């Protein structure tokens, strides 16, 4: 797994202690709000596809990955698919504190959105998977989630359907036996690499000054003046570093210690991957524990716990308005549920219903 080095932690701790020149509203001669241009330089537009040298995206792998993403037969009871906990028509995240898996078991962490996630530097809240391809392997055999007894059991299900065999041969034409657990994950990852949601924010940082309202521009200025951009920057407005939750004021729920639970390094206590703010208005409840129901409260909590600042209503409202500019349209044609391959007499029956 990938964990934060002491150098990373010190670097981001240093950034968080920087004193920013208070910039709330920058006005042009015409009275229109102008954004903090220095802070704006930390951001970039989303790519069209979140590409990978290790998993080149092709039409064939995307087609196969889409089908696998929606197929509940990759779960022991054949009721749970990737889309169950990451519904693509609802911005890739359930509106629940945690998701419900096999035999109605509850997960321990809030399931983050899969939209734009392939561009993040690691996956999961604790970064235990470096890529979406590796992440895709986990839930299928997780006993709380999809609960397949083994990788081989999942492969057996796929191999029982001739339609899948044909799809895998097209997606992986150089392989004589292409239906493998690794190739399944590569296909799902290829599909997820196209789950990109450019928004008004992208248009704005590419030069369209009319893409944001004055309230949204003011919100960004307040966001930057508070120092939030040091962690939530880049094309994904986050998703590019680890950070301690509770830098200034300890987070109230210390049950889940984040990366520490994997590394047992004291420096990793309460350290989590910084979430992306893309589509944040659509993906509550918030934080790893799903403990905060509203974006308004999430903004206030972050200001208090990470920056030691208590924001007023007049500051929070425009920040939330700016965050709404990070909401992009769902790519309806790309995520359209596909027709699934037909089961055969060799397809294993569901278990543990």
Protein backbone atom coordinates (compact mmCIF):
# COMPACT_ATOMS: atom_id res chain seq x y z
CA UNK A 1 0.00 0.00 0.00
CA UNK A 2 1.01 3.63 -0.31
CA UNK A 3 1.28 5.57 2.93
CA UNK A 4 2.39 9.13 3.71
CA UNK A 5 6.08 9.54 4.37
CA UNK A 6 7.22 11.74 7.23
CA UNK A 7 8.46 14.17 4.59
CA UNK A 8 4.94 14.40 3.07
CA UNK A 9 3.33 14.96 6.44
CA UNK A 10 5.84 17.67 7.40
CA UNK A 11 5.42 19.36 4.01
CA UNK A 12 1.66 19.60 4.25
CA UNK A 13 1.82 20.59 7.89
CA UNK A 14 4.13 23.43 6.82
CA UNK A 15 1.74 24.51 4.09
CA UNK A 16 -1.14 24.55 6.53
CA UNK A 17 0.75 26.89 8.84
CA UNK A 18 1.37 29.49 6.15
CA UNK A 19 -0.26 32.81 6.86
CA UNK A 20 -2.22 33.96 3.85
CA UNK A 21 -2.90 37.57 3.02
CA UNK A 22 -6.60 37.91 3.84
CA UNK A 23 -8.37 38.16 0.53
CA UNK A 24 -12.14 38.19 0.68
CA UNK A 25 -13.33 40.21 -2.25
CA UNK A 26 -11.20 41.47 -5.12
CA UNK A 27 -13.08 44.01 -7.20
CA UNK A 28 -12.40 45.27 -10.67
CA UNK A 29 -13.03 48.86 -11.68
CA UNK A 30 -16.50 47.85 -12.83
CA UNK A 31 -17.36 46.46 -9.39
CA UNK A 32 -17.38 42.84 -10.53
CA UNK A 33 -15.73 40.30 -8.26
CA UNK A 34 -12.33 39.06 -9.40
CA UNK A 35 -10.74 35.93 -8.01
CA UNK A 36 -7.50 35.56 -6.10
CA UNK A 37 -5.23 34.89 -9.07
CA UNK A 38 -2.36 33.55 -6.98
CA UNK A 39 -4.57 30.87 -5.46
CA UNK A 40 -6.06 30.10 -8.87
CA UNK A 41 -2.65 28.98 -10.12
CA UNK A 42 -2.91 25.88 -7.90
CA UNK A 43 -5.78 24.53 -10.00
CA UNK A 44 -6.13 22.89 -13.42
CA UNK A 45 -8.98 21.61 -15.58
CA UNK A 46 -10.02 17.97 -15.61
CA UNK A 47 -8.54 15.75 -18.33
CA UNK A 48 -10.90 14.25 -20.91
CA UNK A 49 -9.86 10.76 -19.79
CA UNK A 50 -7.84 9.84 -16.72
CA UNK A 51 -5.29 7.82 -18.66
CA UNK A 52 -2.84 5.20 -17.43
CA UNK A 53 0.29 3.86 -19.09
CA UNK A 54 -0.31 0.54 -17.32
CA UNK A 55 -3.90 0.25 -18.54
CA UNK A 56 -4.46 1.93 -21.92
CA UNK A 57 -8.14 2.69 -22.41
CA UNK A 58 -9.77 1.16 -25.49
CA UNK A 59 -13.37 0.98 -26.66
CA UNK A 60 -13.33 -2.77 -26.02
CA UNK A 61 -12.05 -2.55 -22.45
CA UNK A 62 -14.49 0.26 -21.64
CA UNK A 63 -17.42 -1.75 -23.02
CA UNK A 64 -16.42 -4.80 -21.00
CA UNK A 65 -15.72 -2.75 -17.88
CA UNK A 66 -19.12 -1.09 -18.05
CA UNK A 67 -20.83 -4.49 -18.12
CA UNK A 68 -18.75 -5.83 -15.24
CA UNK A 69 -19.42 -2.68 -13.20
CA UNK A 70 -23.16 -3.29 -13.41
CA UNK A 71 -23.14 -7.10 -13.03
CA UNK A 72 -24.44 -8.26 -9.60
CA UNK A 73 -23.38 -11.85 -10.34
CA UNK A 74 -19.91 -10.86 -9.18
CA UNK A 75 -21.31 -10.98 -5.64
CA UNK A 76 -22.07 -14.12 -3.61
CA UNK A 77 -25.81 -13.47 -3.45
CA UNK A 78 -25.85 -12.04 -7.00
CA UNK A 79 -27.59 -8.90 -5.75
CA UNK A 80 -24.69 -6.46 -5.32
CA UNK A 81 -22.70 -4.82 -8.10
CA UNK A 82 -20.15 -2.00 -8.11
CA UNK A 83 -23.07 0.25 -9.01
CA UNK A 84 -24.96 -0.71 -5.85
CA UNK A 85 -22.65 1.25 -3.55
CA UNK A 86 -21.45 3.68 -6.24
CA UNK A 87 -24.63 4.45 -8.24
CA UNK A 88 -23.56 6.26 -11.37
CA UNK A 89 -26.89 8.00 -11.88
CA UNK A 90 -26.52 9.54 -8.41
CA UNK A 91 -23.00 10.95 -8.77
CA UNK A 92 -21.37 7.65 -7.86
CA UNK A 93 -22.12 7.78 -4.13
CA UNK A 94 -25.01 6.65 -1.96
CA UNK A 95 -26.71 9.18 0.28
CA UNK A 96 -25.98 6.99 3.31
CA UNK A 97 -23.42 7.22 6.10
CA UNK A 98 -22.08 3.80 5.10
CA UNK A 99 -23.15 1.25 2.50
CA UNK A 100 -24.98 -2.03 3.07
CA UNK A 101 -23.36 -5.18 1.72
CA UNK A 102 -23.71 -8.95 1.88
CA UNK A 103 -26.31 -10.18 4.39
CA UNK A 104 -27.14 -6.55 5.24
CA UNK A 105 -23.73 -5.97 6.81
CA UNK A 106 -22.71 -2.34 7.25
CA UNK A 107 -19.42 -0.95 5.99
CA UNK A 108 -17.11 0.95 8.32
CA UNK A 109 -16.40 3.96 6.10
CA UNK A 110 -18.40 6.21 3.84
CA UNK A 111 -18.20 5.03 0.22
CA UNK A 112 -16.67 7.86 -1.85
CA UNK A 113 -17.76 8.70 -5.37
CA UNK A 114 -16.11 6.92 -8.32
CA UNK A 115 -16.46 9.98 -10.55
CA UNK A 116 -13.03 11.51 -11.24
CA UNK A 117 -11.51 9.07 -8.73
CA UNK A 118 -9.18 7.42 -11.25
CA UNK A 119 -7.11 10.61 -11.26
CA UNK A 120 -6.45 10.50 -7.53
CA UNK A 121 -2.97 9.59 -6.33
CA UNK A 122 -4.29 6.60 -4.34
CA UNK A 123 -7.65 4.92 -3.70
CA UNK A 124 -9.68 4.30 -0.53
CA UNK A 125 -9.61 6.64 2.46
CA UNK A 126 -6.40 5.02 3.69
CA UNK A 127 -4.71 4.74 0.29
CA UNK A 128 -4.33 0.97 0.44
CA UNK A 129 -4.84 0.65 -3.31
CA UNK A 130 -2.67 2.71 -5.68
CA UNK A 131 -5.09 2.67 -8.64
CA UNK A 132 -8.73 2.12 -9.51
CA UNK A 133 -7.69 -1.18 -11.10
CA UNK A 134 -6.35 -2.41 -7.77
CA UNK A 135 -9.32 -0.91 -5.94
CA UNK A 136 -11.75 -2.87 -8.12
CA UNK A 137 -10.34 -6.16 -6.83
CA UNK A 138 -11.11 -5.44 -3.19
CA UNK A 139 -14.90 -5.23 -2.77
CA UNK A 140 -15.66 -8.39 -4.77
CA UNK A 141 -14.01 -10.69 -2.22
CA UNK A 142 -14.57 -8.49 0.84
CA UNK A 143 -16.86 -10.55 3.17
CA UNK A 144 -18.80 -7.43 4.20
CA UNK A 145 -19.28 -6.12 0.67
CA UNK A 146 -19.78 -8.50 -2.28
CA UNK A 147 -18.47 -11.55 -0.40
CA UNK A 148 -17.27 -13.80 -3.21
CA UNK A 149 -15.25 -16.58 -1.52
CA UNK A 150 -12.20 -16.12 -3.77
CA UNK A 151 -10.84 -14.56 -6.93
CA UNK A 152 -11.27 -17.94 -8.62
CA UNK A 153 -14.96 -18.01 -7.72
CA UNK A 154 -15.51 -14.68 -9.47
CA UNK A 155 -13.61 -15.92 -12.53
CA UNK A 156 -15.73 -19.08 -12.55
CA UNK A 157 -18.89 -16.99 -12.76
CA UNK A 158 -17.55 -14.97 -15.69
CA UNK A 159 -16.28 -18.04 -17.55
CA UNK A 160 -19.69 -19.70 -17.33
CA UNK A 161 -21.10 -17.21 -19.86
CA UNK A 162 -20.01 -17.43 -23.52
CA UNK A 163 -20.90 -13.78 -24.10
CA UNK A 164 -18.25 -12.79 -21.57
CA UNK A 165 -15.67 -15.01 -23.23
CA UNK A 166 -16.21 -13.17 -26.51
CA UNK A 167 -15.99 -9.76 -24.81
CA UNK A 168 -12.74 -10.63 -23.01
CA UNK A 169 -11.16 -11.92 -26.22
CA UNK A 170 -11.93 -8.62 -27.96
CA UNK A 171 -10.69 -6.57 -25.00
CA UNK A 172 -7.49 -8.62 -24.55
CA UNK A 173 -6.79 -9.98 -28.05
CA UNK A 174 -3.20 -11.07 -27.39
CA UNK A 175 -4.14 -13.51 -24.62
CA UNK A 176 -5.24 -17.11 -25.18
CA UNK A 177 -7.03 -17.27 -21.83
CA UNK A 178 -8.11 -13.66 -21.23
CA UNK A 179 -10.67 -14.21 -18.45
CA UNK A 180 -8.61 -13.55 -15.34
CA UNK A 181 -9.23 -11.62 -12.15
CA UNK A 182 -6.56 -9.10 -13.11
CA UNK A 183 -8.11 -8.52 -16.54
CA UNK A 184 -11.53 -8.10 -14.95
CA UNK A 185 -10.07 -5.33 -12.80
CA UNK A 186 -8.29 -3.75 -15.78
CA UNK A 187 -11.59 -3.57 -17.66
CA UNK A 188 -13.47 -2.04 -14.74
CA UNK A 189 -10.63 0.44 -14.29
CA UNK A 190 -10.69 1.37 -17.99
CA UNK A 191 -14.40 2.16 -17.69
CA UNK A 192 -13.90 4.19 -14.52
CA UNK A 193 -11.16 6.23 -16.21
CA UNK A 194 -13.87 7.77 -18.39
CA UNK A 195 -16.03 8.86 -15.45
CA UNK A 196 -15.06 12.50 -15.78
CA UNK A 197 -17.41 15.39 -14.94
CA UNK A 198 -16.08 18.76 -16.17
CA UNK A 199 -18.06 21.67 -14.76
CA UNK A 200 -18.41 25.44 -14.79
CA UNK A 201 -15.21 25.60 -12.74
CA UNK A 202 -13.24 24.06 -15.62
CA UNK A 203 -14.66 26.58 -18.06
CA UNK A 204 -13.72 29.39 -15.68
CA UNK A 205 -10.10 28.37 -15.13
CA UNK A 206 -9.74 27.97 -18.89
CA UNK A 207 -10.67 31.60 -19.36
CA UNK A 208 -14.45 31.94 -19.41
CA UNK A 209 -14.96 34.66 -16.81
CA UNK A 210 -18.74 34.40 -17.15
CA UNK A 211 -18.78 30.74 -16.11
CA UNK A 212 -18.97 31.67 -12.41
CA UNK A 213 -21.31 34.06 -10.64
CA UNK A 214 -19.95 36.84 -8.45
CA UNK A 215 -21.12 34.87 -5.41
CA UNK A 216 -19.12 31.85 -6.55
CA UNK A 217 -16.02 33.96 -7.21
CA UNK A 218 -16.36 35.49 -3.77
CA UNK A 219 -16.73 32.01 -2.34
CA UNK A 220 -13.49 30.90 -3.95
CA UNK A 221 -11.71 33.95 -2.54
CA UNK A 222 -12.93 33.12 0.95
CA UNK A 223 -11.98 29.46 0.45
CA UNK A 224 -8.46 30.59 -0.49
CA UNK A 225 -8.21 33.18 2.27
CA UNK A 226 -9.01 30.45 4.78
CA UNK A 227 -6.17 28.35 3.38
CA UNK A 228 -8.26 25.44 2.13
CA UNK A 229 -6.57 25.37 -1.28
CA UNK A 230 -3.32 24.00 0.13
CA UNK A 231 -4.94 20.58 0.42
CA UNK A 232 -7.85 20.91 -2.01
CA UNK A 233 -6.05 21.93 -5.21
CA UNK A 234 -5.14 20.53 -8.62
CA UNK A 235 -7.53 19.26 -11.28
CA UNK A 236 -9.48 17.16 -8.76
CA UNK A 237 -9.62 19.90 -6.09
CA UNK A 238 -8.13 17.35 -3.69
CA UNK A 239 -7.32 13.66 -4.05
CA UNK A 240 -3.58 14.33 -4.35
CA UNK A 241 -2.23 14.00 -0.80
CA UNK A 242 -2.73 12.60 2.67
CA UNK A 243 -3.55 14.86 5.59
CA UNK A 244 -4.28 14.57 9.26
CA UNK A 245 -7.93 15.12 10.11
CA UNK A 246 -7.87 17.52 13.03
CA UNK A 247 -4.66 19.49 12.42
CA UNK A 248 -5.69 22.28 14.80
CA UNK A 249 -8.60 20.82 16.76
CA UNK A 250 -8.92 17.03 17.23
CA UNK A 251 -11.65 15.32 15.23
CA UNK A 252 -14.41 14.19 17.65
CA UNK A 253 -14.57 10.59 16.38
CA UNK A 254 -11.18 8.96 17.00
CA UNK A 255 -12.39 5.36 16.55
CA UNK A 256 -11.06 5.10 13.00
CA UNK A 257 -7.41 6.15 12.97
CA UNK A 258 -7.09 6.07 9.17
CA UNK A 259 -3.72 5.17 7.66
CA UNK A 260 -2.38 4.32 11.12
CA UNK A 261 -4.53 1.20 11.17
CA UNK A 262 -2.43 -0.13 8.29
CA UNK A 263 1.04 1.21 9.11
CA UNK A 264 0.99 1.40 12.93
CA UNK A 265 3.18 4.49 12.55
CA UNK A 266 2.18 7.13 15.12
CA UNK A 267 2.63 9.87 12.50
CA UNK A 268 -0.23 8.29 10.55
CA UNK A 269 -2.81 8.60 13.32
CA UNK A 270 -5.98 10.24 11.97
CA UNK A 271 -4.34 10.62 8.54
CA UNK A 272 -6.63 10.09 5.54
CA UNK A 273 -6.54 10.78 1.85
CA UNK A 274 -7.73 14.31 1.18
CA UNK A 275 -11.05 13.89 -0.66
CA UNK A 276 -11.80 15.58 -3.94
CA UNK A 277 -14.34 18.40 -3.84
CA UNK A 278 -15.59 17.56 -7.33
CA UNK A 279 -19.39 17.10 -7.20
CA UNK A 280 -19.17 17.56 -3.43
CA UNK A 281 -22.62 19.11 -3.23
CA UNK A 282 -24.09 15.86 -4.59
CA UNK A 283 -22.12 13.31 -2.58
CA UNK A 284 -23.04 13.75 1.09
CA UNK A 285 -22.94 12.70 3.85
CA UNK A 286 -19.35 13.76 4.37
CA UNK A 287 -15.99 12.59 5.73
CA UNK A 288 -14.66 9.07 6.15
CA UNK A 289 -17.22 8.35 8.86
CA UNK A 290 -20.18 9.91 7.05
CA UNK A 291 -20.83 11.87 10.23
CA UNK A 292 -21.83 15.19 8.68
CA UNK A 293 -25.07 15.41 6.74
CA UNK A 294 -24.82 18.84 5.11
CA UNK A 295 -22.18 20.63 3.08
CA UNK A 296 -22.73 23.78 5.13
CA UNK A 297 -21.67 21.94 8.29
CA UNK A 298 -18.81 20.15 6.53
CA UNK A 299 -17.33 23.51 5.49
CA UNK A 300 -17.61 24.83 9.04
CA UNK A 301 -16.04 21.68 10.49
CA UNK A 302 -13.07 21.82 8.14
CA UNK A 303 -12.42 25.49 8.93
CA UNK A 304 -12.46 24.76 12.67
CA UNK A 305 -10.58 21.46 12.76
CA UNK A 306 -8.03 22.12 10.01
CA UNK A 307 -7.51 25.88 10.15
CA UNK A 308 -8.72 26.96 13.58
CA UNK A 309 -11.15 29.41 11.99
CA UNK A 310 -14.83 29.89 12.77
CA UNK A 311 -16.59 30.97 9.59
CA UNK A 312 -19.66 33.17 9.59
CA UNK A 313 -22.84 32.46 7.67
CA UNK A 314 -21.84 35.23 5.25
CA UNK A 315 -18.59 33.35 4.52
CA UNK A 316 -19.99 29.82 4.35
CA UNK A 317 -22.80 30.60 1.92
CA UNK A 318 -20.54 31.83 -0.94
CA UNK A 319 -18.03 29.01 -0.33
CA UNK A 320 -20.87 26.54 -0.78
CA UNK A 321 -21.96 28.42 -3.91
CA UNK A 322 -18.42 28.11 -5.31
CA UNK A 323 -18.38 24.39 -4.51
CA UNK A 324 -21.56 24.04 -6.54
CA UNK A 325 -19.53 25.20 -9.55
CA UNK A 326 -17.58 21.95 -9.15
CA UNK A 327 -20.71 19.95 -9.98
CA UNK A 328 -20.55 18.63 -13.53
CA UNK A 329 -23.28 16.91 -15.52
CA UNK A 330 -23.50 13.12 -15.31
CA UNK A 331 -22.41 11.58 -18.66
CA UNK A 332 -25.73 9.84 -19.30
CA UNK A 333 -24.78 7.96 -22.48
CA UNK A 334 -21.47 6.76 -21.04
CA UNK A 335 -23.06 5.30 -17.90
CA UNK A 336 -26.18 3.85 -19.54
CA UNK A 337 -26.78 0.43 -17.96
CA UNK A 338 -25.79 -2.25 -20.49
CA UNK A 339 -27.45 -5.51 -21.36
CA UNK A 340 -25.74 -8.15 -19.27
CA UNK A 341 -24.52 -11.50 -20.64
CA UNK A 342 -27.02 -14.30 -20.10
CA UNK A 343 -26.41 -16.85 -17.39
CA UNK A 344 -26.13 -20.49 -18.40
CA UNK A 345 -26.64 -23.82 -16.68
CA UNK A 346 -22.96 -23.64 -15.69
CA UNK A 347 -23.35 -20.29 -13.94
CA UNK A 348 -23.06 -20.81 -10.16
CA UNK A 349 -26.20 -20.19 -8.16
CA UNK A 350 -26.36 -17.37 -5.59
CA UNK A 351 -25.43 -18.21 -2.03
CA UNK A 352 -26.03 -16.69 1.37
CA UNK A 353 -29.17 -14.81 0.41
